[in-house]
Amino acid sequence: MSKPGTPTPSNTLLLRRQLTELTKRPVEGFSAGLVDDDNLYEWEIMIIGPPDTLYEGGFFKARLTFPPEYPIMPPKLRFITQMWHPNIYADGNVCISILHAPGEDQYGYEDAGERWMPVHTVESILISVISMLSADVPNIDSPANVDAAKEVRDDPSGYKKKVRRLARRSAEEAFD
């Protein structure tokens, strides 16, 4: 039995299997690979801005970092590309239910069934993030970025303009 916080052969195998699956059968809208071939716990993600959204045409780089307790505990997703969204903190960390630790939400915003479950995969996480970016109106009920949420509410056209500008810039910078 390994001590808590130590990677186990089973989670290493699970991560390797998920990476192999995504490499063999890519999912439209994103790509995933390892930051360093010797570390299965840190993935480099590229999310392509979903069509017919404010993010269309953008290429958004992110890091997916898995804890040693994966899949019992969720990974963390942090955008490297600058983002402007109510559910993404200023430092790029994504705040969506599927990435929150399992169990009851102490603040009562989320049902336990919306939170992390070990059956989730990298694919289900990234599809959730793409869905978040695709929403016509972002969730501003419990924002990670209060300023972005305030702008969605008070100046929707200013919000849209800022997001489109960031998407254009991300496309220009994606392959630098």
N, C-alpha and C. Protein backbone atom coordinates (compact mmCIF):
# COMPACT_ATOMS: atom_id res chain seq x y z
N MET A 1 0.86 -1.19 0.00
CA MET A 1 0.00 0.00 0.00
C MET A 1 0.89 1.24 0.00
N SER A 2 0.66 2.14 -0.94
CA SER A 2 1.48 3.36 -0.98
C SER A 2 0.89 4.39 -0.03
N LYS A 3 1.74 5.29 0.44
CA LYS A 3 1.26 6.30 1.37
C LYS A 3 0.52 7.39 0.59
N PRO A 4 -0.41 8.13 1.25
CA PRO A 4 -1.17 9.17 0.58
C PRO A 4 -0.24 10.19 -0.07
N GLY A 5 -0.65 10.66 -1.26
CA GLY A 5 0.14 11.66 -1.95
C GLY A 5 1.23 11.08 -2.84
N THR A 6 1.32 9.74 -2.88
CA THR A 6 2.32 9.08 -3.71
C THR A 6 1.63 8.47 -4.93
N PRO A 7 2.15 8.73 -6.14
CA PRO A 7 1.55 8.11 -7.32
C PRO A 7 1.56 6.59 -7.19
N THR A 8 0.52 5.96 -7.71
CA THR A 8 0.43 4.50 -7.66
C THR A 8 0.51 3.95 -9.08
N PRO A 9 0.90 2.68 -9.20
CA PRO A 9 0.94 2.08 -10.54
C PRO A 9 -0.42 2.14 -11.24
N SER A 10 -1.52 2.02 -10.48
CA SER A 10 -2.84 2.01 -11.12
C SER A 10 -3.19 3.37 -11.71
N ASN A 11 -2.88 4.49 -11.00
CA ASN A 11 -3.23 5.78 -11.59
C ASN A 11 -2.28 6.13 -12.73
N THR A 12 -1.04 5.68 -12.66
CA THR A 12 -0.11 5.89 -13.77
C THR A 12 -0.62 5.15 -15.00
N LEU A 13 -1.09 3.92 -14.80
CA LEU A 13 -1.63 3.13 -15.89
C LEU A 13 -2.88 3.79 -16.48
N LEU A 14 -3.75 4.30 -15.62
CA LEU A 14 -4.97 4.97 -16.06
C LEU A 14 -4.64 6.21 -16.89
N LEU A 15 -3.70 7.02 -16.43
CA LEU A 15 -3.31 8.23 -17.17
C LEU A 15 -2.69 7.86 -18.52
N ARG A 16 -1.84 6.85 -18.53
CA ARG A 16 -1.22 6.42 -19.78
C ARG A 16 -2.29 5.93 -20.76
N ARG A 17 -3.26 5.18 -20.26
CA ARG A 17 -4.34 4.67 -21.10
C ARG A 17 -5.16 5.82 -21.70
N GLN A 18 -5.48 6.83 -20.87
CA GLN A 18 -6.26 7.96 -21.36
C GLN A 18 -5.48 8.75 -22.42
N LEU A 19 -4.20 8.94 -22.19
CA LEU A 19 -3.37 9.66 -23.16
C LEU A 19 -3.29 8.88 -24.48
N THR A 20 -3.08 7.58 -24.40
CA THR A 20 -3.02 6.74 -25.59
C THR A 20 -4.33 6.81 -26.37
N GLU A 21 -5.43 6.74 -25.65
CA GLU A 21 -6.76 6.80 -26.28
C GLU A 21 -6.96 8.12 -27.01
N LEU A 22 -6.58 9.24 -26.37
CA LEU A 22 -6.74 10.55 -27.00
C LEU A 22 -5.80 10.72 -28.20
N THR A 23 -4.65 10.07 -28.14
CA THR A 23 -3.70 10.14 -29.25
C THR A 23 -4.21 9.32 -30.44
N LYS A 24 -4.76 8.14 -30.14
CA LYS A 24 -5.27 7.26 -31.20
C LYS A 24 -6.58 7.78 -31.78
N ARG A 25 -7.44 8.29 -30.93
CA ARG A 25 -8.75 8.77 -31.36
C ARG A 25 -8.95 10.19 -30.86
N PRO A 26 -8.35 11.17 -31.54
CA PRO A 26 -8.47 12.56 -31.09
C PRO A 26 -9.94 13.02 -31.07
N VAL A 27 -10.24 13.88 -30.13
CA VAL A 27 -11.58 14.45 -30.00
C VAL A 27 -11.53 15.85 -30.59
N GLU A 28 -12.54 16.18 -31.38
CA GLU A 28 -12.57 17.50 -32.00
C GLU A 28 -12.65 18.59 -30.93
N GLY A 29 -11.85 19.63 -31.11
CA GLY A 29 -11.92 20.77 -30.21
C GLY A 29 -10.73 20.92 -29.29
N PHE A 30 -9.93 19.86 -29.15
CA PHE A 30 -8.76 19.99 -28.29
C PHE A 30 -7.72 18.93 -28.64
N SER A 31 -6.50 19.19 -28.18
CA SER A 31 -5.45 18.18 -28.26
C SER A 31 -4.77 18.13 -26.89
N ALA A 32 -4.16 16.98 -26.61
CA ALA A 32 -3.52 16.78 -25.31
C ALA A 32 -2.23 16.00 -25.49
N GLY A 33 -1.24 16.36 -24.70
CA GLY A 33 0.03 15.64 -24.70
C GLY A 33 0.75 15.93 -23.40
N LEU A 34 1.84 15.26 -23.18
CA LEU A 34 2.61 15.46 -21.95
C LEU A 34 3.50 16.69 -22.08
N VAL A 35 3.65 17.44 -21.00
CA VAL A 35 4.59 18.55 -20.95
C VAL A 35 6.01 17.99 -21.04
N ASP A 36 6.23 16.89 -20.30
CA ASP A 36 7.53 16.22 -20.24
C ASP A 36 7.27 14.72 -20.32
N ASP A 37 7.92 14.03 -21.23
CA ASP A 37 7.67 12.60 -21.44
C ASP A 37 7.86 11.75 -20.18
N ASP A 38 8.59 12.25 -19.20
CA ASP A 38 8.85 11.49 -17.98
C ASP A 38 7.84 11.78 -16.87
N ASN A 39 6.83 12.63 -17.15
CA ASN A 39 5.88 13.01 -16.10
C ASN A 39 4.45 12.89 -16.62
N LEU A 40 3.78 11.80 -16.25
CA LEU A 40 2.39 11.58 -16.67
C LEU A 40 1.41 12.48 -15.94
N TYR A 41 1.87 13.22 -14.94
CA TYR A 41 0.97 14.01 -14.10
C TYR A 41 0.81 15.46 -14.55
N GLU A 42 1.47 15.84 -15.64
CA GLU A 42 1.32 17.20 -16.16
C GLU A 42 1.14 17.15 -17.67
N TRP A 43 -0.04 17.58 -18.11
CA TRP A 43 -0.39 17.52 -19.52
C TRP A 43 -0.50 18.93 -20.09
N GLU A 44 -0.11 19.03 -21.35
CA GLU A 44 -0.26 20.26 -22.11
C GLU A 44 -1.52 20.11 -22.95
N ILE A 45 -2.39 21.08 -22.85
CA ILE A 45 -3.67 21.02 -23.56
C ILE A 45 -3.76 22.22 -24.51
N MET A 46 -4.34 21.99 -25.67
CA MET A 46 -4.66 23.08 -26.60
C MET A 46 -6.15 22.96 -26.88
N ILE A 47 -6.90 23.99 -26.50
CA ILE A 47 -8.33 24.01 -26.78
C ILE A 47 -8.54 24.97 -27.94
N ILE A 48 -9.25 24.49 -28.94
CA ILE A 48 -9.55 25.31 -30.11
C ILE A 48 -10.89 25.99 -29.83
N GLY A 49 -10.92 27.31 -30.02
CA GLY A 49 -12.14 28.06 -29.74
C GLY A 49 -13.33 27.45 -30.47
N PRO A 50 -14.39 27.12 -29.74
CA PRO A 50 -15.55 26.48 -30.36
C PRO A 50 -16.19 27.37 -31.42
N PRO A 51 -16.61 26.78 -32.56
CA PRO A 51 -17.26 27.54 -33.62
C PRO A 51 -18.52 28.23 -33.11
N ASP A 52 -18.82 29.38 -33.71
CA ASP A 52 -20.03 30.15 -33.38
C ASP A 52 -20.07 30.60 -31.93
N THR A 53 -18.89 30.85 -31.34
CA THR A 53 -18.81 31.39 -29.98
C THR A 53 -17.86 32.59 -30.02
N LEU A 54 -17.78 33.30 -28.92
CA LEU A 54 -16.84 34.41 -28.81
C LEU A 54 -15.39 33.94 -28.93
N TYR A 55 -15.15 32.68 -28.64
CA TYR A 55 -13.79 32.12 -28.62
C TYR A 55 -13.39 31.52 -29.97
N GLU A 56 -14.29 31.55 -30.96
CA GLU A 56 -14.03 30.96 -32.27
C GLU A 56 -12.73 31.52 -32.86
N GLY A 57 -11.93 30.63 -33.41
CA GLY A 57 -10.67 31.04 -34.04
C GLY A 57 -9.50 31.11 -33.08
N GLY A 58 -9.77 30.99 -31.78
CA GLY A 58 -8.70 31.08 -30.79
C GLY A 58 -8.05 29.73 -30.54
N PHE A 59 -6.80 29.79 -30.08
CA PHE A 59 -6.06 28.59 -29.67
C PHE A 59 -5.59 28.84 -28.25
N PHE A 60 -6.17 28.11 -27.32
CA PHE A 60 -5.96 28.39 -25.91
C PHE A 60 -5.14 27.29 -25.26
N LYS A 61 -3.96 27.66 -24.81
CA LYS A 61 -3.06 26.70 -24.16
C LYS A 61 -3.41 26.60 -22.68
N ALA A 62 -3.34 25.36 -22.17
CA ALA A 62 -3.64 25.12 -20.76
C ALA A 62 -2.77 23.98 -20.25
N ARG A 63 -2.70 23.88 -18.93
CA ARG A 63 -2.00 22.77 -18.25
C ARG A 63 -3.02 22.02 -17.41
N LEU A 64 -2.97 20.72 -17.52
CA LEU A 64 -3.81 19.85 -16.71
C LEU A 64 -2.86 19.11 -15.78
N THR A 65 -3.00 19.35 -14.47
CA THR A 65 -2.10 18.77 -13.48
C THR A 65 -2.88 17.80 -12.60
N PHE A 66 -2.43 16.56 -12.59
CA PHE A 66 -3.10 15.50 -11.84
C PHE A 66 -2.46 15.33 -10.47
N PRO A 67 -3.29 15.19 -9.43
CA PRO A 67 -2.74 14.93 -8.10
C PRO A 67 -2.34 13.45 -8.00
N PRO A 68 -1.48 13.13 -7.06
CA PRO A 68 -1.11 11.72 -6.87
C PRO A 68 -2.32 10.84 -6.54
N GLU A 69 -3.38 11.44 -6.00
CA GLU A 69 -4.58 10.68 -5.61
C GLU A 69 -5.55 10.47 -6.77
N TYR A 70 -5.19 10.92 -7.99
CA TYR A 70 -6.05 10.73 -9.15
C TYR A 70 -6.29 9.24 -9.35
N PRO A 71 -7.47 8.75 -9.64
CA PRO A 71 -8.70 9.46 -10.01
C PRO A 71 -9.66 9.74 -8.85
N ILE A 72 -9.22 9.49 -7.63
CA ILE A 72 -10.09 9.77 -6.48
C ILE A 72 -10.30 11.28 -6.35
N MET A 73 -9.25 12.06 -6.58
CA MET A 73 -9.34 13.52 -6.53
C MET A 73 -9.15 14.08 -7.94
N PRO A 74 -9.76 15.23 -8.23
CA PRO A 74 -9.71 15.78 -9.59
C PRO A 74 -8.38 16.47 -9.91
N PRO A 75 -8.08 16.56 -11.20
CA PRO A 75 -6.92 17.35 -11.60
C PRO A 75 -7.27 18.85 -11.54
N LYS A 76 -6.28 19.68 -11.77
CA LYS A 76 -6.49 21.13 -11.88
C LYS A 76 -6.20 21.51 -13.32
N LEU A 77 -7.02 22.41 -13.86
CA LEU A 77 -6.81 22.91 -15.22
C LEU A 77 -6.55 24.40 -15.12
N ARG A 78 -5.42 24.83 -15.70
CA ARG A 78 -5.06 26.25 -15.68
C ARG A 78 -4.68 26.68 -17.09
N PHE A 79 -5.37 27.72 -17.55
CA PHE A 79 -5.03 28.28 -18.85
C PHE A 79 -3.71 29.04 -18.76
N ILE A 80 -2.85 28.81 -19.75
CA ILE A 80 -1.61 29.57 -19.89
C ILE A 80 -1.92 30.82 -20.71
N THR A 81 -2.78 30.64 -21.72
CA THR A 81 -3.24 31.76 -22.55
C THR A 81 -4.12 32.66 -21.69
N GLN A 82 -3.98 33.96 -21.85
CA GLN A 82 -4.82 34.89 -21.08
C GLN A 82 -6.29 34.68 -21.44
N MET A 83 -7.13 34.56 -20.42
CA MET A 83 -8.57 34.33 -20.61
C MET A 83 -9.36 35.39 -19.87
N TRP A 84 -10.57 35.64 -20.35
CA TRP A 84 -11.50 36.56 -19.69
C TRP A 84 -12.85 35.86 -19.66
N HIS A 85 -13.16 35.27 -18.50
CA HIS A 85 -14.40 34.50 -18.35
C HIS A 85 -14.74 34.47 -16.86
N PRO A 86 -16.03 34.57 -16.52
CA PRO A 86 -16.42 34.56 -15.11
C PRO A 86 -16.01 33.29 -14.35
N ASN A 87 -15.82 32.18 -15.05
CA ASN A 87 -15.50 30.92 -14.38
C ASN A 87 -14.02 30.54 -14.50
N ILE A 88 -13.20 31.52 -14.85
CA ILE A 88 -11.75 31.31 -14.91
C ILE A 88 -11.09 32.42 -14.08
N TYR A 89 -10.36 32.00 -13.06
CA TYR A 89 -9.67 32.97 -12.20
C TYR A 89 -8.66 33.77 -13.02
N ALA A 90 -8.27 34.92 -12.51
CA ALA A 90 -7.30 35.78 -13.19
C ALA A 90 -5.98 35.05 -13.46
N ASP A 91 -5.62 34.07 -12.60
CA ASP A 91 -4.37 33.32 -12.80
C ASP A 91 -4.53 32.18 -13.81
N GLY A 92 -5.74 32.03 -14.38
CA GLY A 92 -5.97 31.01 -15.40
C GLY A 92 -6.61 29.73 -14.89
N ASN A 93 -6.71 29.55 -13.57
CA ASN A 93 -7.33 28.34 -13.04
C ASN A 93 -8.82 28.31 -13.35
N VAL A 94 -9.27 27.15 -13.81
CA VAL A 94 -10.67 26.97 -14.20
C VAL A 94 -11.49 26.54 -12.99
N CYS A 95 -12.65 27.16 -12.85
CA CYS A 95 -13.55 26.85 -11.74
C CYS A 95 -14.86 26.33 -12.31
N ILE A 96 -14.94 25.01 -12.47
CA ILE A 96 -16.19 24.37 -12.88
C ILE A 96 -16.43 23.18 -11.97
N SER A 97 -17.70 22.82 -11.82
CA SER A 97 -18.10 21.78 -10.87
C SER A 97 -17.34 20.49 -11.02
N ILE A 98 -17.15 20.04 -12.26
CA ILE A 98 -16.51 18.75 -12.51
C ILE A 98 -15.08 18.69 -11.94
N LEU A 99 -14.45 19.84 -11.71
CA LEU A 99 -13.09 19.87 -11.17
C LEU A 99 -13.05 20.13 -9.66
N HIS A 100 -14.22 20.17 -9.03
CA HIS A 100 -14.27 20.38 -7.58
C HIS A 100 -14.26 19.03 -6.87
N ALA A 101 -13.56 18.98 -5.74
CA ALA A 101 -13.43 17.73 -4.97
C ALA A 101 -14.79 17.09 -4.74
N PRO A 102 -14.83 15.75 -4.67
CA PRO A 102 -16.10 15.07 -4.47
C PRO A 102 -16.75 15.43 -3.15
N GLY A 103 -18.05 15.21 -3.09
CA GLY A 103 -18.78 15.45 -1.84
C GLY A 103 -19.71 16.64 -1.95
N GLU A 104 -20.25 17.01 -0.82
CA GLU A 104 -21.20 18.13 -0.77
C GLU A 104 -20.48 19.47 -0.86
N ASP A 105 -21.11 20.42 -1.51
CA ASP A 105 -20.59 21.78 -1.62
C ASP A 105 -20.96 22.54 -0.35
N GLN A 106 -19.95 22.99 0.39
CA GLN A 106 -20.22 23.68 1.65
C GLN A 106 -21.02 24.97 1.47
N TYR A 107 -21.00 25.54 0.25
CA TYR A 107 -21.73 26.78 0.00
C TYR A 107 -23.10 26.54 -0.61
N GLY A 108 -23.39 25.30 -0.98
CA GLY A 108 -24.71 24.97 -1.49
C GLY A 108 -24.96 25.33 -2.95
N TYR A 109 -23.91 25.68 -3.71
CA TYR A 109 -24.10 26.02 -5.13
C TYR A 109 -24.21 24.79 -6.01
N GLU A 110 -23.55 23.70 -5.60
CA GLU A 110 -23.47 22.53 -6.46
C GLU A 110 -24.04 21.30 -5.77
N ASP A 111 -24.66 20.46 -6.56
CA ASP A 111 -25.12 19.16 -6.12
C ASP A 111 -23.90 18.23 -6.15
N ALA A 112 -23.82 17.28 -5.24
CA ALA A 112 -22.67 16.36 -5.19
C ALA A 112 -22.49 15.65 -6.54
N GLY A 113 -23.58 15.39 -7.26
CA GLY A 113 -23.51 14.71 -8.55
C GLY A 113 -22.87 15.54 -9.65
N GLU A 114 -22.75 16.85 -9.44
CA GLU A 114 -22.12 17.73 -10.43
C GLU A 114 -20.61 17.81 -10.24
N ARG A 115 -20.15 17.37 -9.08
CA ARG A 115 -18.74 17.51 -8.73
C ARG A 115 -17.92 16.33 -9.25
N TRP A 116 -16.63 16.32 -8.95
CA TRP A 116 -15.73 15.29 -9.44
C TRP A 116 -16.18 13.89 -9.02
N MET A 117 -16.07 12.97 -9.98
CA MET A 117 -16.27 11.55 -9.71
C MET A 117 -15.15 10.81 -10.45
N PRO A 118 -14.65 9.72 -9.86
CA PRO A 118 -13.54 8.99 -10.49
C PRO A 118 -13.83 8.46 -11.90
N VAL A 119 -15.10 8.42 -12.31
CA VAL A 119 -15.42 7.96 -13.66
C VAL A 119 -15.09 9.01 -14.72
N HIS A 120 -14.89 10.26 -14.29
CA HIS A 120 -14.55 11.31 -15.26
C HIS A 120 -13.18 11.04 -15.87
N THR A 121 -13.03 11.50 -17.10
CA THR A 121 -11.79 11.32 -17.84
C THR A 121 -11.29 12.67 -18.31
N VAL A 122 -10.10 12.69 -18.88
CA VAL A 122 -9.57 13.92 -19.47
C VAL A 122 -10.56 14.41 -20.54
N GLU A 123 -11.07 13.49 -21.31
CA GLU A 123 -12.04 13.87 -22.36
C GLU A 123 -13.27 14.54 -21.76
N SER A 124 -13.84 13.97 -20.70
CA SER A 124 -15.05 14.57 -20.11
C SER A 124 -14.75 15.93 -19.48
N ILE A 125 -13.56 16.09 -18.93
CA ILE A 125 -13.16 17.38 -18.36
C ILE A 125 -13.09 18.43 -19.47
N LEU A 126 -12.40 18.09 -20.55
CA LEU A 126 -12.20 19.07 -21.62
C LEU A 126 -13.50 19.38 -22.37
N ILE A 127 -14.37 18.40 -22.49
CA ILE A 127 -15.68 18.66 -23.09
C ILE A 127 -16.47 19.61 -22.20
N SER A 128 -16.34 19.47 -20.88
CA SER A 128 -17.01 20.40 -19.95
C SER A 128 -16.46 21.82 -20.10
N VAL A 129 -15.14 21.94 -20.27
CA VAL A 129 -14.53 23.27 -20.44
C VAL A 129 -14.98 23.88 -21.76
N ILE A 130 -15.00 23.09 -22.82
CA ILE A 130 -15.46 23.60 -24.11
C ILE A 130 -16.93 24.03 -24.01
N SER A 131 -17.72 23.26 -23.30
CA SER A 131 -19.12 23.61 -23.09
C SER A 131 -19.24 24.93 -22.33
N MET A 132 -18.39 25.11 -21.31
CA MET A 132 -18.39 26.36 -20.54
C MET A 132 -18.08 27.55 -21.46
N LEU A 133 -17.08 27.37 -22.35
CA LEU A 133 -16.71 28.45 -23.26
C LEU A 133 -17.79 28.68 -24.32
N SER A 134 -18.59 27.66 -24.60
CA SER A 134 -19.62 27.76 -25.65
C SER A 134 -20.92 28.37 -25.17
N ALA A 135 -21.10 28.49 -23.88
CA ALA A 135 -22.36 29.01 -23.34
C ALA A 135 -22.59 30.44 -23.84
N ASP A 136 -23.82 30.68 -24.32
CA ASP A 136 -24.17 32.03 -24.80
C ASP A 136 -24.03 33.05 -23.67
N VAL A 137 -24.49 32.66 -22.49
CA VAL A 137 -24.37 33.53 -21.31
C VAL A 137 -23.62 32.74 -20.25
N PRO A 138 -22.42 33.20 -19.87
CA PRO A 138 -21.65 32.48 -18.84
C PRO A 138 -22.37 32.48 -17.49
N ASN A 139 -22.07 31.47 -16.68
CA ASN A 139 -22.61 31.40 -15.34
C ASN A 139 -21.94 32.46 -14.47
N ILE A 140 -22.74 33.38 -13.96
CA ILE A 140 -22.18 34.45 -13.12
C ILE A 140 -22.68 34.36 -11.68
N ASP A 141 -23.31 33.22 -11.32
CA ASP A 141 -23.88 33.07 -9.97
C ASP A 141 -22.81 32.96 -8.88
N SER A 142 -21.73 32.23 -9.14
CA SER A 142 -20.65 32.12 -8.17
C SER A 142 -19.33 32.26 -8.94
N PRO A 143 -19.02 33.48 -9.37
CA PRO A 143 -17.88 33.67 -10.27
C PRO A 143 -16.51 33.49 -9.62
N ALA A 144 -15.59 32.98 -10.43
CA ALA A 144 -14.18 32.91 -10.05
C ALA A 144 -13.54 34.27 -10.35
N ASN A 145 -14.00 34.89 -11.43
CA ASN A 145 -13.50 36.21 -11.82
C ASN A 145 -14.66 37.20 -11.70
N VAL A 146 -14.71 37.88 -10.57
CA VAL A 146 -15.81 38.79 -10.27
C VAL A 146 -15.88 39.93 -11.29
N ASP A 147 -14.73 40.43 -11.72
CA ASP A 147 -14.72 41.53 -12.70
C ASP A 147 -15.32 41.11 -14.04
N ALA A 148 -14.99 39.91 -14.49
CA ALA A 148 -15.56 39.41 -15.74
C ALA A 148 -17.07 39.21 -15.59
N ALA A 149 -17.50 38.68 -14.45
CA ALA A 149 -18.94 38.47 -14.21
C ALA A 149 -19.68 39.81 -14.18
N LYS A 150 -19.07 40.79 -13.55
CA LYS A 150 -19.68 42.13 -13.49
C LYS A 150 -19.80 42.72 -14.89
N GLU A 151 -18.77 42.51 -15.71
CA GLU A 151 -18.82 43.03 -17.08
C GLU A 151 -19.88 42.30 -17.91
N VAL A 152 -20.04 40.99 -17.72
CA VAL A 152 -21.10 40.24 -18.42
C VAL A 152 -22.45 40.86 -18.09
N ARG A 153 -22.64 41.17 -16.82
CA ARG A 153 -23.93 41.72 -16.36
C ARG A 153 -24.13 43.18 -16.78
N ASP A 154 -23.10 44.01 -16.60
CA ASP A 154 -23.26 45.46 -16.79
C ASP A 154 -22.91 45.96 -18.19
N ASP A 155 -22.02 45.27 -18.88
CA ASP A 155 -21.56 45.73 -20.20
C ASP A 155 -21.30 44.52 -21.11
N PRO A 156 -22.39 43.81 -21.49
CA PRO A 156 -22.20 42.60 -22.28
C PRO A 156 -21.43 42.83 -23.59
N SER A 157 -21.62 43.95 -24.23
CA SER A 157 -20.90 44.20 -25.49
C SER A 157 -19.41 44.43 -25.23
N GLY A 158 -19.06 45.08 -24.12
CA GLY A 158 -17.66 45.25 -23.74
C GLY A 158 -17.01 43.91 -23.42
N TYR A 159 -17.76 43.04 -22.74
CA TYR A 159 -17.27 41.70 -22.42
C TYR A 159 -16.98 40.94 -23.71
N LYS A 160 -17.94 40.94 -24.63
CA LYS A 160 -17.79 40.21 -25.90
C LYS A 160 -16.60 40.72 -26.69
N LYS A 161 -16.43 42.02 -26.72
CA LYS A 161 -15.32 42.63 -27.46
C LYS A 161 -13.98 42.18 -26.88
N LYS A 162 -13.88 42.19 -25.54
CA LYS A 162 -12.64 41.79 -24.87
C LYS A 162 -12.31 40.32 -25.15
N VAL A 163 -13.32 39.45 -25.08
CA VAL A 163 -13.10 38.02 -25.33
C VAL A 163 -12.66 37.79 -26.77
N ARG A 164 -13.33 38.46 -27.73
CA ARG A 164 -12.95 38.29 -29.14
C ARG A 164 -11.52 38.75 -29.38
N ARG A 165 -11.13 39.85 -28.73
CA ARG A 165 -9.77 40.37 -28.87
C ARG A 165 -8.76 39.35 -28.33
N LEU A 166 -9.06 38.75 -27.18
CA LEU A 166 -8.17 37.73 -26.61
C LEU A 166 -8.10 36.50 -27.51
N ALA A 167 -9.22 36.12 -28.12
CA ALA A 167 -9.23 34.97 -29.04
C ALA A 167 -8.34 35.25 -30.25
N ARG A 168 -8.45 36.45 -30.80
CA ARG A 168 -7.59 36.82 -31.96
C ARG A 168 -6.13 36.77 -31.55
N ARG A 169 -5.81 37.36 -30.39
CA ARG A 169 -4.43 37.38 -29.92
C ARG A 169 -3.91 35.96 -29.69
N SER A 170 -4.77 35.09 -29.14
CA SER A 170 -4.34 33.71 -28.89
C SER A 170 -4.00 33.00 -30.20
N ALA A 171 -4.74 33.29 -31.26
CA ALA A 171 -4.47 32.68 -32.56
C ALA A 171 -3.13 33.16 -33.10
N GLU A 172 -2.83 34.44 -32.89
CA GLU A 172 -1.56 35.00 -33.37
C GLU A 172 -0.39 34.42 -32.57
N GLU A 173 -0.58 34.21 -31.27
CA GLU A 173 0.50 33.76 -30.39
C GLU A 173 0.64 32.24 -30.30
N ALA A 174 -0.37 31.51 -30.77
CA ALA A 174 -0.43 30.06 -30.54
C ALA A 174 0.81 29.31 -31.01
N PHE A 175 1.37 29.74 -32.10
CA PHE A 175 2.47 28.96 -32.68
C PHE A 175 3.79 29.69 -32.60
N ASP A 176 3.87 30.67 -31.68
CA ASP A 176 5.16 31.37 -31.46
C ASP A 176 6.12 30.46 -30.73
